[in-house]
Amino acid sequence: MSDFFKNRRIVVTGGAGFLGKYVVDGLKKRGCKNILIPLIEEYDLIKSSEIKRMYDEMSPDVVIHLAAVVGGIGANREHPGKFFYENLMMGVQLIEEGRQRNIEKFVALGTVCAYPKFTPVPFKEENLWIGYPEETNAPYGLAKKMLLVQSQAYRQEYGFNSIFILPVNLYGPGDNFNPESSHVIPALIKKCVDAVNARDDYIECWGTGTPSREFIYAADAAEGILLATELYNGSEPVNIGAGFEITIKKLVEKIVKLTGFKGEIRWDSSKPDGQPRRCLDTSKAKKLFGFEAKTDFDNGLKQTIEWYKKNIA
């Protein structure tokens, strides 16, 4: 490993969150001596004054911006205004303040939700602007997408080194299993394990099961982000994914099998399916900074299920 991170002061917003813990762990393994995490209890990063205070007190060389207000389809439908405003204000003001202070680098994290609803599969970065995102998570996706516009505009006008990374859906130990705000994998694991424990004879799943999704193990995503932080200094967005897709129906069947649930699967087609397909072209990440996901999907699911059983169920 190089010494890139060793003596730089690295601020990781969202560093105490699900993905953030993996990024922080990766920084420690790289010998980083100055990892700074602005905790939500101490800094409200939606407010300009709090962002200024964070920069004053932490004096970062590099900011890796992972903090986000996120959730599954249900949470996005319930809070479109909150998801738009808070994600936009955090990112825009963090980048602007970083630019004013001439920090060395800003790493902005986008989302697969920024892609148009009907994007040719696999999703290539150059297709990011060919249409409007899927309606249920468009406010969140567009708020994040504006950070790409800002990054490119600031590079053009000010020479500010801001990069934009687009990760696909994450999963892994330590994920959010709160049914009000969790994404599909933790939500399904919780349903199945809880049903086994309660001896329920069926579980209910949203939608029709026909859409496809791609998932990346959180530790792999963290590795991709850190490789990009060190090695990538371009203006174009870069996908971070595992390069495969699975239908929700097959995903449910896989989790049912791995958790040992023996009951019936009922589909509630009155609930939304979300985007029809999701699968990223990950060739650019490999070419530009040598990233490839390593974790086998079944093994990753097993580890996530075991973590849930041990820590929550």
Protein backbone atom coordinates (compact mmCIF):
# COMPACT_ATOMS: atom_id res chain seq x y z
CA MET A 1 0.00 0.00 0.00
CA SER A 2 1.11 3.56 -0.69
CA ASP A 3 1.52 6.31 1.91
CA PHE A 4 -1.21 8.49 0.37
CA PHE A 5 -3.45 8.42 3.46
CA LYS A 6 -0.76 8.20 6.12
CA ASN A 7 -0.32 11.86 7.06
CA ARG A 8 -3.33 13.46 5.40
CA ARG A 9 -6.24 14.65 7.51
CA ILE A 10 -9.28 12.75 6.19
CA VAL A 11 -12.81 13.81 7.15
CA VAL A 12 -15.40 11.08 6.61
CA THR A 13 -18.94 12.46 6.88
CA GLY A 14 -21.23 9.60 7.81
CA GLY A 15 -18.15 7.82 9.18
CA ALA A 16 -20.18 6.30 12.03
CA GLY A 17 -22.79 4.91 9.61
CA PHE A 18 -23.09 1.59 7.80
CA LEU A 19 -20.75 2.27 4.85
CA GLY A 20 -18.72 4.78 6.86
CA LYS A 21 -17.50 2.17 9.34
CA TYR A 22 -16.07 0.11 6.47
CA VAL A 23 -14.38 3.17 4.96
CA VAL A 24 -12.89 4.12 8.33
CA ASP A 25 -11.68 0.54 8.81
CA GLY A 26 -10.07 0.69 5.34
CA LEU A 27 -8.35 3.97 6.23
CA LYS A 28 -6.95 2.45 9.43
CA LYS A 29 -5.60 -0.53 7.48
CA ARG A 30 -3.87 1.95 5.17
CA GLY A 31 -2.11 3.57 8.13
CA CYS A 32 -4.11 6.80 8.16
CA LYS A 33 -3.28 8.66 11.39
CA ASN A 34 -5.87 11.43 11.17
CA ILE A 35 -9.40 10.11 10.57
CA LEU A 36 -12.00 12.70 11.56
CA ILE A 37 -15.70 11.87 11.85
CA PRO A 38 -18.23 14.70 12.30
CA LEU A 39 -20.88 12.90 14.35
CA ILE A 40 -24.52 13.87 13.78
CA GLU A 41 -24.91 14.66 17.50
CA GLU A 42 -22.11 17.25 17.25
CA TYR A 43 -22.53 18.77 13.79
CA ASP A 44 -25.71 19.42 11.82
CA LEU A 45 -24.25 19.31 8.31
CA ILE A 46 -27.42 20.73 6.78
CA LYS A 47 -26.58 24.13 8.33
CA SER A 48 -23.90 26.34 6.80
CA SER A 49 -22.65 27.54 10.20
CA GLU A 50 -22.14 23.95 11.39
CA ILE A 51 -20.26 23.04 8.21
CA LYS A 52 -17.96 26.03 8.69
CA ARG A 53 -17.36 24.99 12.32
CA MET A 54 -16.56 21.43 11.22
CA TYR A 55 -13.99 22.70 8.70
CA ASP A 56 -12.53 25.09 11.30
CA GLU A 57 -12.13 22.38 13.92
CA MET A 58 -11.09 19.46 11.70
CA SER A 59 -8.98 21.21 9.01
CA PRO A 60 -9.25 18.38 6.48
CA ASP A 61 -6.99 17.81 3.49
CA VAL A 62 -9.56 15.44 1.97
CA VAL A 63 -13.32 15.10 2.58
CA ILE A 64 -15.06 11.80 1.80
CA HIS A 65 -18.76 12.69 1.88
CA LEU A 66 -20.81 9.61 2.77
CA ALA A 67 -23.45 11.19 5.04
CA ALA A 68 -26.93 10.92 3.52
CA VAL A 69 -30.59 10.76 4.41
CA VAL A 70 -31.54 7.41 2.84
CA GLY A 71 -34.11 4.63 2.87
CA GLY A 72 -36.00 2.11 0.78
CA ILE A 73 -39.00 2.73 -1.49
CA GLY A 74 -41.36 3.30 1.46
CA ALA A 75 -39.14 5.92 3.11
CA ASN A 76 -38.59 7.70 -0.24
CA ARG A 77 -42.37 7.88 -0.84
CA GLU A 78 -42.97 9.17 2.68
CA HIS A 79 -40.24 11.85 2.75
CA PRO A 80 -39.45 13.10 -0.80
CA GLY A 81 -39.06 16.70 0.37
CA LYS A 82 -36.80 15.85 3.30
CA PHE A 83 -34.67 13.50 1.19
CA PHE A 84 -34.25 16.17 -1.51
CA TYR A 85 -33.53 19.15 0.74
CA GLU A 86 -31.24 17.57 3.33
CA ASN A 87 -29.10 15.63 0.85
CA LEU A 88 -28.77 18.64 -1.45
CA MET A 89 -27.93 21.14 1.30
CA MET A 90 -25.35 18.87 2.91
CA GLY A 91 -23.50 18.15 -0.31
CA VAL A 92 -23.65 21.57 -1.96
CA GLN A 93 -22.48 23.45 1.14
CA LEU A 94 -19.74 20.94 2.00
CA ILE A 95 -18.30 21.23 -1.52
CA GLU A 96 -18.57 25.05 -1.56
CA GLU A 97 -16.87 25.42 1.82
CA GLY A 98 -14.17 22.94 0.79
CA ARG A 99 -13.55 24.95 -2.36
CA GLN A 100 -13.29 28.22 -0.43
CA ARG A 101 -10.73 26.62 1.88
CA ASN A 102 -8.79 25.13 -1.03
CA ILE A 103 -8.84 21.58 0.33
CA GLU A 104 -6.87 19.03 -1.67
CA LYS A 105 -9.77 16.78 -2.69
CA PHE A 106 -13.50 16.21 -2.23
CA VAL A 107 -15.04 12.78 -2.80
CA ALA A 108 -18.80 13.02 -3.44
CA LEU A 109 -20.88 9.87 -3.25
CA GLY A 110 -23.79 9.63 -5.66
CA THR A 111 -26.38 6.88 -5.94
CA VAL A 112 -27.67 4.40 -8.49
CA CYS A 113 -31.04 6.19 -7.98
CA ALA A 114 -29.60 9.07 -10.05
CA TYR A 115 -29.88 7.00 -13.23
CA PRO A 116 -32.91 7.42 -15.51
CA LYS A 117 -35.82 5.03 -14.91
CA PHE A 118 -35.28 3.36 -18.28
CA THR A 119 -31.51 3.16 -18.66
CA PRO A 120 -29.99 0.62 -21.09
CA VAL A 121 -28.56 -2.30 -19.09
CA PRO A 122 -25.82 -2.44 -17.94
CA PHE A 123 -25.90 1.21 -16.84
CA LYS A 124 -23.01 3.16 -18.38
CA GLU A 125 -21.93 6.47 -16.84
CA GLU A 126 -22.52 8.33 -20.12
CA ASN A 127 -26.24 7.42 -19.95
CA LEU A 128 -26.78 9.30 -16.68
CA TRP A 129 -28.63 12.15 -18.41
CA ILE A 130 -30.88 10.36 -20.93
CA GLY A 131 -34.07 10.60 -18.85
CA TYR A 132 -35.79 11.22 -15.51
CA PRO A 133 -35.10 8.90 -12.53
CA GLU A 134 -37.66 6.39 -11.23
CA GLU A 135 -40.38 8.49 -9.57
CA THR A 136 -40.33 7.02 -6.04
CA ASN A 137 -36.69 7.95 -5.43
CA ALA A 138 -36.20 10.78 -7.96
CA PRO A 139 -35.94 13.59 -5.34
CA TYR A 140 -33.13 11.73 -3.54
CA GLY A 141 -31.43 10.70 -6.78
CA LEU A 142 -31.55 14.20 -8.26
CA ALA A 143 -30.27 15.85 -5.07
CA LYS A 144 -27.23 13.57 -5.25
CA LYS A 145 -26.87 14.10 -9.01
CA MET A 146 -26.52 17.85 -8.48
CA LEU A 147 -23.24 17.16 -6.67
CA LEU A 148 -21.88 15.83 -9.97
CA VAL A 149 -22.94 19.04 -11.72
CA GLN A 150 -21.31 21.08 -8.95
CA SER A 151 -18.13 18.99 -8.98
CA GLN A 152 -17.72 19.40 -12.73
CA ALA A 153 -18.56 23.12 -12.66
CA TYR A 154 -16.10 23.77 -9.82
CA ARG A 155 -13.35 21.83 -11.57
CA GLN A 156 -13.94 23.87 -14.74
CA GLU A 157 -14.08 27.30 -13.06
CA TYR A 158 -11.87 26.91 -9.98
CA GLY A 159 -9.70 23.85 -10.70
CA PHE A 160 -11.25 22.22 -7.60
CA ASN A 161 -10.51 18.49 -7.38
CA SER A 162 -13.92 16.95 -6.65
CA ILE A 163 -14.76 13.44 -7.86
CA PHE A 164 -18.14 11.72 -8.10
CA ILE A 165 -18.61 8.00 -7.36
CA LEU A 166 -21.86 6.10 -8.12
CA PRO A 167 -22.30 3.02 -5.90
CA VAL A 168 -25.03 0.45 -6.47
CA ASN A 169 -27.19 -0.82 -3.56
CA LEU A 170 -25.11 -1.88 -0.55
CA TYR A 171 -25.56 -4.77 1.86
CA GLY A 172 -23.54 -6.47 4.60
CA PRO A 173 -23.07 -6.88 8.35
CA GLY A 174 -24.05 -3.72 10.23
CA ASP A 175 -26.75 -2.76 7.70
CA ASN A 176 -29.91 -0.86 8.71
CA PHE A 177 -32.61 -3.39 9.67
CA ASN A 178 -35.25 -0.84 10.71
CA PRO A 179 -38.39 -1.79 8.70
CA GLU A 180 -39.36 1.89 8.36
CA SER A 181 -36.21 2.82 6.45
CA SER A 182 -34.25 -0.31 5.45
CA HIS A 183 -33.39 -1.37 1.91
CA VAL A 184 -34.50 -4.63 0.32
CA ILE A 185 -31.84 -7.11 1.55
CA PRO A 186 -31.95 -6.22 5.27
CA ALA A 187 -35.76 -5.92 5.07
CA LEU A 188 -36.03 -9.45 3.63
CA ILE A 189 -33.51 -10.93 6.06
CA LYS A 190 -35.45 -9.44 8.97
CA LYS A 191 -38.77 -10.77 7.62
CA CYS A 192 -37.44 -14.29 7.12
CA VAL A 193 -35.45 -14.65 10.36
CA ASP A 194 -38.28 -13.10 12.41
CA ALA A 195 -40.81 -15.41 10.70
CA VAL A 196 -38.66 -18.46 11.52
CA ASN A 197 -38.40 -17.37 15.16
CA ALA A 198 -42.13 -16.63 15.40
CA ARG A 199 -43.04 -19.80 13.45
CA ASP A 200 -45.11 -17.77 10.99
CA ASP A 201 -46.42 -19.65 7.97
CA TYR A 202 -45.96 -16.84 5.41
CA ILE A 203 -44.07 -13.63 4.66
CA GLU A 204 -45.34 -10.73 2.55
CA CYS A 205 -43.14 -9.01 -0.04
CA TRP A 206 -43.70 -5.74 -1.89
CA GLY A 207 -44.44 -5.61 -5.61
CA THR A 208 -44.35 -8.40 -8.17
CA GLY A 209 -40.81 -9.71 -7.75
CA THR A 210 -40.00 -9.06 -11.43
CA PRO A 211 -37.57 -6.08 -11.16
CA SER A 212 -33.85 -6.80 -11.01
CA ARG A 213 -31.25 -5.27 -8.73
CA GLU A 214 -27.48 -5.32 -8.29
CA PHE A 215 -25.86 -5.39 -4.85
CA ILE A 216 -22.35 -4.77 -3.61
CA TYR A 217 -20.94 -5.91 -0.27
CA ALA A 218 -20.24 -2.82 1.85
CA ALA A 219 -16.58 -3.71 2.48
CA ASP A 220 -16.04 -3.98 -1.30
CA ALA A 221 -17.74 -0.61 -1.89
CA ALA A 222 -15.49 0.97 0.76
CA GLU A 223 -12.43 -0.42 -1.03
CA GLY A 224 -13.64 1.10 -4.31
CA ILE A 225 -14.18 4.50 -2.66
CA LEU A 226 -10.71 4.49 -1.11
CA LEU A 227 -9.01 3.45 -4.36
CA ALA A 228 -10.84 6.30 -6.13
CA THR A 229 -9.88 8.74 -3.36
CA GLU A 230 -6.23 7.88 -3.83
CA LEU A 231 -5.96 7.28 -7.57
CA TYR A 232 -8.78 9.03 -9.45
CA ASN A 233 -8.75 12.76 -10.21
CA GLY A 234 -11.15 13.06 -13.15
CA SER A 235 -14.36 14.96 -13.77
CA GLU A 236 -16.46 12.03 -15.04
CA PRO A 237 -18.70 9.98 -12.71
CA VAL A 238 -17.59 6.40 -12.01
CA ASN A 239 -19.79 3.39 -11.15
CA ILE A 240 -18.93 1.18 -8.19
CA GLY A 241 -20.70 -2.16 -8.36
CA ALA A 242 -20.39 -5.92 -8.48
CA GLY A 243 -21.43 -6.26 -12.12
CA PHE A 244 -24.37 -8.66 -11.83
CA GLU A 245 -28.16 -8.48 -11.50
CA ILE A 246 -30.73 -10.65 -9.75
CA THR A 247 -34.52 -10.42 -9.81
CA ILE A 248 -36.24 -9.59 -6.52
CA LYS A 249 -38.11 -12.92 -6.80
CA LYS A 250 -34.83 -14.88 -7.01
CA LEU A 251 -33.35 -12.74 -4.22
CA VAL A 252 -36.30 -13.58 -1.95
CA GLU A 253 -35.95 -17.29 -2.76
CA LYS A 254 -32.22 -17.14 -1.98
CA ILE A 255 -32.75 -15.42 1.39
CA VAL A 256 -35.63 -17.78 2.25
CA LYS A 257 -33.29 -20.74 1.63
CA LEU A 258 -30.33 -19.26 3.55
CA THR A 259 -32.48 -18.35 6.58
CA GLY A 260 -34.31 -21.70 6.66
CA PHE A 261 -37.79 -20.17 6.30
CA LYS A 262 -40.21 -22.89 5.15
CA GLY A 263 -43.44 -20.93 4.74
CA GLU A 264 -45.26 -19.25 1.87
CA ILE A 265 -44.09 -16.13 0.00
CA ARG A 266 -46.98 -13.73 -0.71
CA TRP A 267 -46.55 -10.83 -3.15
CA ASP A 268 -48.44 -7.56 -2.61
CA SER A 269 -48.67 -6.19 -6.16
CA SER A 270 -50.46 -3.05 -4.91
CA LYS A 271 -47.05 -1.91 -3.63
CA PRO A 272 -44.56 -0.31 -6.08
CA ASP A 273 -41.80 -2.27 -7.79
CA GLY A 274 -39.45 0.71 -8.21
CA GLN A 275 -37.04 0.86 -11.14
CA PRO A 276 -37.52 -2.07 -13.59
CA ARG A 277 -33.84 -3.10 -13.78
CA ARG A 278 -30.55 -2.12 -12.19
CA CYS A 279 -27.15 -3.37 -13.22
CA LEU A 280 -24.01 -1.25 -13.58
CA ASP A 281 -21.23 -1.36 -16.12
CA THR A 282 -18.21 -1.41 -13.79
CA SER A 283 -15.45 -1.41 -16.43
CA LYS A 284 -14.49 2.23 -15.87
CA ALA A 285 -13.64 1.69 -12.18
CA LYS A 286 -11.38 -1.22 -13.12
CA LYS A 287 -9.66 0.77 -15.85
CA LEU A 288 -9.24 4.05 -13.92
CA PHE A 289 -8.27 2.81 -10.45
CA GLY A 290 -8.12 -0.97 -10.55
CA PHE A 291 -11.30 -1.73 -8.61
CA GLU A 292 -13.19 -5.03 -8.80
CA ALA A 293 -15.67 -6.37 -6.24
CA LYS A 294 -14.38 -9.51 -4.52
CA THR A 295 -17.15 -10.87 -2.27
CA ASP A 296 -19.25 -13.78 -3.50
CA PHE A 297 -22.95 -12.84 -3.19
CA ASP A 298 -24.05 -15.99 -1.32
CA ASN A 299 -21.17 -15.66 1.15
CA GLY A 300 -21.96 -11.99 1.68
CA LEU A 301 -25.62 -12.82 2.35
CA LYS A 302 -24.66 -15.57 4.82
CA GLN A 303 -22.43 -13.17 6.75
CA THR A 304 -25.17 -10.52 6.80
CA ILE A 305 -27.78 -13.04 8.03
CA GLU A 306 -25.43 -14.27 10.78
CA TRP A 307 -24.74 -10.69 11.86
CA TYR A 308 -28.49 -9.99 12.10
CA LYS A 309 -29.14 -13.17 14.11
CA LYS A 310 -26.29 -12.42 16.51
CA ASN A 311 -26.76 -8.67 16.97
CA ILE A 312 -30.45 -7.91 16.46
CA ALA A 313 -32.75 -10.92 16.17
